[in-house]
C-alpha atoms as a PDB file:
ATOM      1  CA  MET A   1     184.943 -26.204-205.714  1.00  0.00           C
ATOM      2  CA  LEU A   2     185.860 -28.843-203.092  1.00  0.00           C
ATOM      3  CA  VAL A   3     189.512 -28.397-202.182  1.00  0.00           C
ATOM      4  CA  THR A   4     191.435 -30.994-200.212  1.00  0.00           C
ATOM      5  CA  LYS A   5     194.609 -30.494-198.260  1.00  0.00           C
ATOM      6  CA  ARG A   6     196.455 -32.762-200.487  1.00  0.00           C
ATOM      7  CA  TRP A   7     195.475 -30.556-203.453  1.00  0.00           C
ATOM      8  CA  LEU A   8     196.970 -27.629-201.652  1.00  0.00           C
ATOM      9  CA  ILE A   9     200.569 -28.859-202.362  1.00  0.00           C
ATOM     10  CA  VAL A  10     200.324 -29.183-205.882  1.00  0.00           C
ATOM     11  CA  PRO A  11     202.247 -26.271-207.353  1.00  0.00           C
ATOM     12  CA  ILE A  12     199.408 -24.413-208.797  1.00  0.00           C
ATOM     13  CA  ALA A  13     199.959 -20.648-208.723  1.00  0.00           C
ATOM     14  CA  GLY A  14     198.445 -18.872-205.558  1.00  0.00           C
ATOM     15  CA  TYR A  15     196.939 -22.027-203.675  1.00  0.00           C
ATOM     16  CA  CYS A  16     199.813 -24.225-202.645  1.00  0.00           C
ATOM     17  CA  LEU A  17     202.613 -23.869-200.156  1.00  0.00           C
ATOM     18  CA  LEU A  18     204.345 -21.317-202.321  1.00  0.00           C
ATOM     19  CA  ALA A  19     207.546 -19.735-201.862  1.00  0.00           C
ATOM     20  CA  LEU A  20     206.777 -16.799-204.021  1.00  0.00           C
ATOM     21  CA  GLY A  21     208.269 -13.889-201.945  1.00  0.00           C
ATOM     22  CA  CYS A  22     211.249 -13.126-199.935  1.00  0.00           C
ATOM     23  CA  SER A  23     212.137 -10.216-197.775  1.00  0.00           C
ATOM     24  CA  SER A  24     214.709  -8.782-195.372  1.00  0.00           C
ATOM     25  CA  GLY A  25     214.629  -5.918-192.721  1.00  0.00           C
ATOM     26  CA  LYS A  26     217.837  -4.624-194.356  1.00  0.00           C
ATOM     27  CA  SER A  27     218.168  -2.917-197.528  1.00  0.00           C
ATOM     28  CA  PRO A  28     218.734  -4.971-200.730  1.00  0.00           C
ATOM     29  CA  GLU A  29     222.427  -3.839-200.832  1.00  0.00           C
ATOM     30  CA  GLU A  30     222.962  -5.172-197.193  1.00  0.00           C
ATOM     31  CA  SER A  31     221.077  -8.318-197.991  1.00  0.00           C
ATOM     32  CA  LYS A  32     223.512  -9.464-200.662  1.00  0.00           C
ATOM     33  CA  ALA A  33     225.934 -10.745-198.056  1.00  0.00           C
ATOM     34  CA  PRO A  34     226.622 -14.487-198.198  1.00  0.00           C
ATOM     35  CA  ALA A  35     224.199 -16.676-196.359  1.00  0.00           C
ATOM     36  CA  ALA A  36     225.240 -17.163-192.635  1.00  0.00           C
ATOM     37  CA  GLN A  37     225.408 -20.504-191.088  1.00  0.00           C
ATOM     38  CA  ALA A  38     223.559 -21.373-187.922  1.00  0.00           C
ATOM     39  CA  PRO A  39     225.758 -20.541-184.775  1.00  0.00           C
ATOM     40  CA  ALA A  40     228.112 -23.104-183.531  1.00  0.00           C
ATOM     41  CA  ARG A  41     226.127 -25.136-180.846  1.00  0.00           C
ATOM     42  CA  PRO A  42     226.224 -28.697-179.579  1.00  0.00           C
ATOM     43  CA  ALA A  43     224.647 -30.993-182.324  1.00  0.00           C
ATOM     44  CA  GLU A  44     224.512 -27.738-184.557  1.00  0.00           C
ATOM     45  CA  ILE A  45     221.243 -26.751-182.934  1.00  0.00           C
ATOM     46  CA  TYR A  46     220.137 -23.194-182.207  1.00  0.00           C
ATOM     47  CA  LYS A  47     216.813 -21.491-181.022  1.00  0.00           C
ATOM     48  CA  ALA A  48     214.817 -18.658-182.652  1.00  0.00           C
ATOM     49  CA  ARG A  49     212.426 -16.636-180.309  1.00  0.00           C
ATOM     50  CA  LEU A  50     209.646 -15.152-182.335  1.00  0.00           C
ATOM     51  CA  ASN A  51     208.276 -12.082-180.480  1.00  0.00           C
ATOM     52  CA  THR A  52     204.649 -12.056-181.999  1.00  0.00           C
ATOM     53  CA  SER A  53     201.489 -10.140-181.309  1.00  0.00           C
ATOM     54  CA  LYS A  54     200.084 -13.260-179.710  1.00  0.00           C
ATOM     55  CA  GLY A  55     203.140 -13.778-177.456  1.00  0.00           C
ATOM     56  CA  PRO A  56     206.486 -15.546-177.789  1.00  0.00           C
ATOM     57  CA  ILE A  57     207.148 -18.716-180.008  1.00  0.00           C
ATOM     58  CA  VAL A  58     210.301 -20.549-179.658  1.00  0.00           C
ATOM     59  CA  ILE A  59     211.584 -22.731-182.532  1.00  0.00           C
ATOM     60  CA  GLU A  60     214.509 -25.112-181.994  1.00  0.00           C
ATOM     61  CA  VAL A  61     216.444 -25.503-185.267  1.00  0.00           C
ATOM     62  CA  HIS A  62     218.415 -28.577-186.098  1.00  0.00           C
ATOM     63  CA  ARG A  63     220.840 -28.415-188.961  1.00  0.00           C
ATOM     64  CA  ALA A  64     221.074 -32.157-189.058  1.00  0.00           C
ATOM     65  CA  TRP A  65     217.349 -32.275-190.081  1.00  0.00           C
ATOM     66  CA  ALA A  66     217.741 -29.848-193.052  1.00  0.00           C
ATOM     67  CA  PRO A  67     221.041 -27.888-193.340  1.00  0.00           C
ATOM     68  CA  GLN A  68     220.059 -25.692-196.231  1.00  0.00           C
ATOM     69  CA  GLY A  69     216.809 -24.702-194.582  1.00  0.00           C
ATOM     70  CA  ALA A  70     218.456 -24.106-191.086  1.00  0.00           C
ATOM     71  CA  ASP A  71     221.045 -21.865-192.557  1.00  0.00           C
ATOM     72  CA  ARG A  72     218.674 -19.896-194.680  1.00  0.00           C
ATOM     73  CA  PHE A  73     216.270 -19.374-191.703  1.00  0.00           C
ATOM     74  CA  PHE A  74     219.214 -18.178-189.627  1.00  0.00           C
ATOM     75  CA  GLU A  75     220.264 -15.768-192.261  1.00  0.00           C
ATOM     76  CA  LEU A  76     216.775 -14.270-192.538  1.00  0.00           C
ATOM     77  CA  ALA A  77     216.420 -13.937-188.816  1.00  0.00           C
ATOM     78  CA  HIS A  78     219.807 -12.504-188.227  1.00  0.00           C
ATOM     79  CA  THR A  79     219.197  -9.798-190.862  1.00  0.00           C
ATOM     80  CA  GLY A  80     215.756  -8.766-189.537  1.00  0.00           C
ATOM     81  CA  PHE A  81     213.989 -10.146-192.497  1.00  0.00           C
ATOM     82  CA  PHE A  82     210.879 -11.328-190.422  1.00  0.00           C
ATOM     83  CA  ASP A  83     210.541  -8.139-188.502  1.00  0.00           C
ATOM     84  CA  ASP A  84     207.015  -6.655-188.882  1.00  0.00           C
ATOM     85  CA  SER A  85     205.911  -9.509-191.152  1.00  0.00           C
ATOM     86  CA  ARG A  86     202.517 -11.099-190.998  1.00  0.00           C
ATOM     87  CA  PHE A  87     201.251 -14.619-190.542  1.00  0.00           C
ATOM     88  CA  PHE A  88     199.427 -14.203-193.919  1.00  0.00           C
ATOM     89  CA  ARG A  89     198.125 -17.698-194.364  1.00  0.00           C
ATOM     90  CA  VAL A  90     196.599 -19.494-191.470  1.00  0.00           C
ATOM     91  CA  MET A  91     194.506 -22.549-192.024  1.00  0.00           C
ATOM     92  CA  LYS A  92     193.180 -24.156-188.857  1.00  0.00           C
ATOM     93  CA  HIS A  93     194.332 -27.770-188.452  1.00  0.00           C
ATOM     94  CA  PHE A  94     196.703 -27.312-191.346  1.00  0.00           C
ATOM     95  CA  VAL A  95     199.474 -24.677-191.402  1.00  0.00           C
ATOM     96  CA  ALA A  96     200.363 -21.060-190.266  1.00  0.00           C
ATOM     97  CA  GLN A  97     202.532 -19.494-193.013  1.00  0.00           C
ATOM     98  CA  PHE A  98     204.789 -16.282-192.869  1.00  0.00           C
ATOM     99  CA  GLY A  99     207.761 -14.868-194.542  1.00  0.00           C
ATOM    100  CA  LEU A 100     206.616 -12.367-197.217  1.00  0.00           C
ATOM    101  CA  SER A 101     208.326  -8.966-196.817  1.00  0.00           C
ATOM    102  CA  LYS A 102     206.827  -5.836-195.703  1.00  0.00           C
ATOM    103  CA  ASP A 103     208.764  -4.084-198.393  1.00  0.00           C
ATOM    104  CA  PRO A 104     208.065  -4.946-202.229  1.00  0.00           C
ATOM    105  CA  LYS A 105     211.606  -3.863-203.121  1.00  0.00           C
ATOM    106  CA  VAL A 106     213.076  -6.400-200.864  1.00  0.00           C
ATOM    107  CA  SER A 107     210.594  -9.090-202.014  1.00  0.00           C
ATOM    108  CA  ARG A 108     211.799  -8.621-205.549  1.00  0.00           C
ATOM    109  CA  LEU A 109     215.283  -9.234-204.486  1.00  0.00           C
ATOM    110  CA  TRP A 110     214.740 -12.355-202.265  1.00  0.00           C
ATOM    111  CA  ALA A 111     212.646 -13.832-204.868  1.00  0.00           C
ATOM    112  CA  GLN A 112     215.752 -14.727-206.903  1.00  0.00           C
ATOM    113  CA  MET A 113     217.661 -16.280-204.040  1.00  0.00           C
ATOM    114  CA  LYS A 114     216.431 -19.876-204.190  1.00  0.00           C
ATOM    115  CA  ILE A 115     218.206 -22.618-202.246  1.00  0.00           C
ATOM    116  CA  LEU A 116     218.599 -26.247-203.062  1.00  0.00           C
ATOM    117  CA  ASP A 117     216.269 -28.782-201.545  1.00  0.00           C
ATOM    118  CA  ASP A 118     217.185 -30.716-198.474  1.00  0.00           C
ATOM    119  CA  PRO A 119     216.465 -34.515-198.171  1.00  0.00           C
ATOM    120  CA  GLN A 120     213.379 -35.030-196.044  1.00  0.00           C
ATOM    121  CA  LYS A 121     214.528 -36.569-192.656  1.00  0.00           C
ATOM    122  CA  GLU A 122     211.691 -35.549-190.203  1.00  0.00           C
ATOM    123  CA  LYS A 123     207.972 -35.860-190.789  1.00  0.00           C
ATOM    124  CA  ASN A 124     205.566 -32.830-190.777  1.00  0.00           C
ATOM    125  CA  THR A 125     204.028 -33.457-187.538  1.00  0.00           C
ATOM    126  CA  ARG A 126     202.372 -30.851-185.317  1.00  0.00           C
ATOM    127  CA  GLY A 127     204.687 -28.006-184.336  1.00  0.00           C
ATOM    128  CA  THR A 128     207.381 -28.794-186.974  1.00  0.00           C
ATOM    129  CA  VAL A 129     208.616 -25.930-189.092  1.00  0.00           C
ATOM    130  CA  THR A 130     209.195 -26.101-192.831  1.00  0.00           C
ATOM    131  CA  PHE A 131     210.028 -23.983-195.777  1.00  0.00           C
ATOM    132  CA  ALA A 132     207.180 -23.606-198.415  1.00  0.00           C
ATOM    133  CA  LYS A 133     208.032 -24.242-202.006  1.00  0.00           C
ATOM    134  CA  SER A 134     206.506 -24.535-205.511  1.00  0.00           C
ATOM    135  CA  GLY A 135     208.705 -27.093-207.039  1.00  0.00           C
ATOM    136  CA  PRO A 136     212.169 -28.554-206.821  1.00  0.00           C
ATOM    137  CA  ASN A 137     214.857 -26.235-205.449  1.00  0.00           C
ATOM    138  CA  THR A 138     212.420 -23.244-205.140  1.00  0.00           C
ATOM    139  CA  ARG A 139     212.656 -22.409-201.373  1.00  0.00           C
ATOM    140  CA  THR A 140     213.371 -18.684-200.760  1.00  0.00           C
ATOM    141  CA  THR A 141     211.800 -17.125-197.654  1.00  0.00           C
ATOM    142  CA  GLN A 142     208.333 -18.505-196.757  1.00  0.00           C
ATOM    143  CA  VAL A 143     207.969 -20.891-193.847  1.00  0.00           C
ATOM    144  CA  PHE A 144     205.094 -22.638-192.239  1.00  0.00           C
ATOM    145  CA  ILE A 145     204.444 -24.095-188.860  1.00  0.00           C
ATOM    146  CA  ASN A 146     202.429 -27.370-189.062  1.00  0.00           C
ATOM    147  CA  LEU A 147     199.164 -27.035-187.074  1.00  0.00           C
ATOM    148  CA  ALA A 148     198.492 -30.830-187.297  1.00  0.00           C
ATOM    149  CA  ASP A 149     200.230 -33.963-188.410  1.00  0.00           C
ATOM    150  CA  ASN A 150     200.368 -33.072-192.059  1.00  0.00           C
ATOM    151  CA  ARG A 151     201.524 -36.580-193.352  1.00  0.00           C
ATOM    152  CA  SER A 152     200.183 -35.597-196.834  1.00  0.00           C
ATOM    153  CA  LEU A 153     203.220 -33.244-197.192  1.00  0.00           C
ATOM    154  CA  ASP A 154     205.747 -36.039-196.407  1.00  0.00           C
ATOM    155  CA  GLY A 155     207.604 -37.301-199.544  1.00  0.00           C
ATOM    156  CA  SER A 156     206.798 -34.184-201.483  1.00  0.00           C
ATOM    157  CA  GLY A 157     210.102 -32.303-200.683  1.00  0.00           C
ATOM    158  CA  PHE A 158     208.878 -30.366-197.566  1.00  0.00           C
ATOM    159  CA  ALA A 159     211.771 -31.001-195.211  1.00  0.00           C
ATOM    160  CA  PRO A 160     211.067 -29.739-191.615  1.00  0.00           C
ATOM    161  CA  PHE A 161     214.210 -27.925-190.149  1.00  0.00           C
ATOM    162  CA  GLY A 162     212.992 -27.313-186.678  1.00  0.00           C
ATOM    163  CA  LYS A 163     210.130 -27.505-184.202  1.00  0.00           C
ATOM    164  CA  VAL A 164     208.204 -25.165-181.855  1.00  0.00           C
ATOM    165  CA  ILE A 165     209.382 -26.033-178.336  1.00  0.00           C
ATOM    166  CA  GLU A 166     207.599 -23.224-176.481  1.00  0.00           C
ATOM    167  CA  GLY A 167     204.524 -21.125-177.355  1.00  0.00           C
ATOM    168  CA  MET A 168     202.581 -23.552-179.434  1.00  0.00           C
ATOM    169  CA  GLU A 169     199.465 -22.299-177.538  1.00  0.00           C
ATOM    170  CA  ASN A 170     200.299 -18.968-178.980  1.00  0.00           C
ATOM    171  CA  VAL A 171     200.544 -20.392-182.621  1.00  0.00           C
ATOM    172  CA  ASP A 172     196.985 -21.809-182.032  1.00  0.00           C
ATOM    173  CA  LYS A 173     195.881 -18.471-181.206  1.00  0.00           C
ATOM    174  CA  LEU A 174     196.834 -16.798-184.447  1.00  0.00           C
ATOM    175  CA  TYR A 175     194.024 -15.167-186.530  1.00  0.00           C
ATOM    176  CA  TRP A 176     192.818 -17.707-188.891  1.00  0.00           C
ATOM    177  CA  GLN A 177     189.344 -16.572-189.949  1.00  0.00           C
ATOM    178  CA  TYR A 178     190.583 -15.139-193.284  1.00  0.00           C
ATOM    179  CA  GLY A 179     191.712 -18.671-194.364  1.00  0.00           C
ATOM    180  CA  ASP A 180     193.476 -19.230-197.728  1.00  0.00           C
ATOM    181  CA  ALA A 181     193.627 -17.020-200.643  1.00  0.00           C
ATOM    182  CA  PRO A 182     190.603 -16.936-203.062  1.00  0.00           C
ATOM    183  CA  PRO A 183     188.910 -18.736-204.375  1.00  0.00           C
ATOM    184  CA  VAL A 184     189.498 -21.260-201.418  1.00  0.00           C
ATOM    185  CA  GLY A 185     189.206 -18.659-198.861  1.00  0.00           C
ATOM    186  CA  SER A 186     189.090 -14.810-198.252  1.00  0.00           C
ATOM    187  CA  GLY A 187     192.670 -14.324-197.368  1.00  0.00           C
ATOM    188  CA  PRO A 188     195.610 -12.193-198.924  1.00  0.00           C
ATOM    189  CA  GLU A 189     196.699 -13.020-202.352  1.00  0.00           C
ATOM    190  CA  GLN A 190     200.471 -13.576-202.403  1.00  0.00           C
ATOM    191  CA  ASN A 191     200.984 -11.642-205.648  1.00  0.00           C
ATOM    192  CA  LEU A 192     199.581  -8.543-204.066  1.00  0.00           C
ATOM    193  CA  ILE A 193     201.664  -8.949-200.900  1.00  0.00           C
ATOM    194  CA  MET A 194     204.630  -8.969-203.285  1.00  0.00           C
ATOM    195  CA  ASP A 195     203.442  -5.944-205.086  1.00  0.00           C
ATOM    196  CA  MET A 196     202.360  -3.795-202.028  1.00  0.00           C
ATOM    197  CA  GLY A 197     203.741  -5.365-199.000  1.00  0.00           C
ATOM    198  CA  ASN A 198     202.227  -4.454-195.574  1.00  0.00           C
ATOM    199  CA  GLU A 199     200.401  -1.477-197.024  1.00  0.00           C
ATOM    200  CA  TYR A 200     198.086  -4.061-198.687  1.00  0.00           C
ATOM    201  CA  LEU A 201     197.813  -6.333-195.651  1.00  0.00           C
ATOM    202  CA  GLN A 202     197.204  -3.582-193.169  1.00  0.00           C
ATOM    203  CA  ARG A 203     194.538  -1.979-195.238  1.00  0.00           C
ATOM    204  CA  ARG A 204     192.643  -5.165-196.360  1.00  0.00           C
ATOM    205  CA  PHE A 205     193.490  -7.754-193.577  1.00  0.00           C
ATOM    206  CA  PRO A 206     193.984  -5.708-190.316  1.00  0.00           C
ATOM    207  CA  SER A 207     193.384  -8.614-188.134  1.00  0.00           C
ATOM    208  CA  LEU A 208     196.372 -10.678-189.267  1.00  0.00           C
ATOM    209  CA  ASP A 209     198.897 -11.468-186.373  1.00  0.00           C
ATOM    210  CA  PHE A 210     202.461 -10.485-186.919  1.00  0.00           C
ATOM    211  CA  ILE A 211     206.067 -11.029-185.880  1.00  0.00           C
ATOM    212  CA  ASN A 212     207.683  -8.080-184.107  1.00  0.00           C
ATOM    213  CA  THR A 213     211.207  -9.294-184.047  1.00  0.00           C
ATOM    214  CA  ILE A 214     213.086 -12.598-183.887  1.00  0.00           C
ATOM    215  CA  THR A 215     216.007 -13.174-181.354  1.00  0.00           C
ATOM    216  CA  LEU A 216     218.584 -15.938-181.952  1.00  0.00           C
ATOM    217  CA  GLU A 217     219.528 -17.943-178.905  1.00  0.00           C
END
């Protein structure tokens, strides 16, 4: 089947920019704390340094662009949510997606913690960072970095909340050969990541790159 990038944003289970799973480095009990706001900085801007298997990637987050998304990303990073998580969906010239938990129990908890949509103020240009979603007000934990100017995503509720300001060359090095999930590619299936976490990814997709930790600056 011929599949276009535009088709990929239609909320068909498994093949769009889904926000199916969510996770945290802390226990479900600890993760019930109220959402944290981004730290107080001039113009409400903060940085998140992703220490990845390909090297550092620094994202500059702007609350003015998408406050709900910026605050959720801070909460996830602050609690260790992304630690040891995989870039499970990397499509060359499209997106690099991450944000499913290594722990299925944590995924089940966070899957219920949806946030409201932000009005889109910035375009999905190369290097911008955006939450994945499967429909209105469905954002949870999945995030993607735009690997190209993805104008087809604009106007569909995908509101960038930040931009890679250092390490875009490391983003470009992320392992992409698995591609999307079947039948489009041979990559991981999100429902199986939700069910089995990193055990499934390490066994079936050992070449995936990953985030060691995230440091907020």
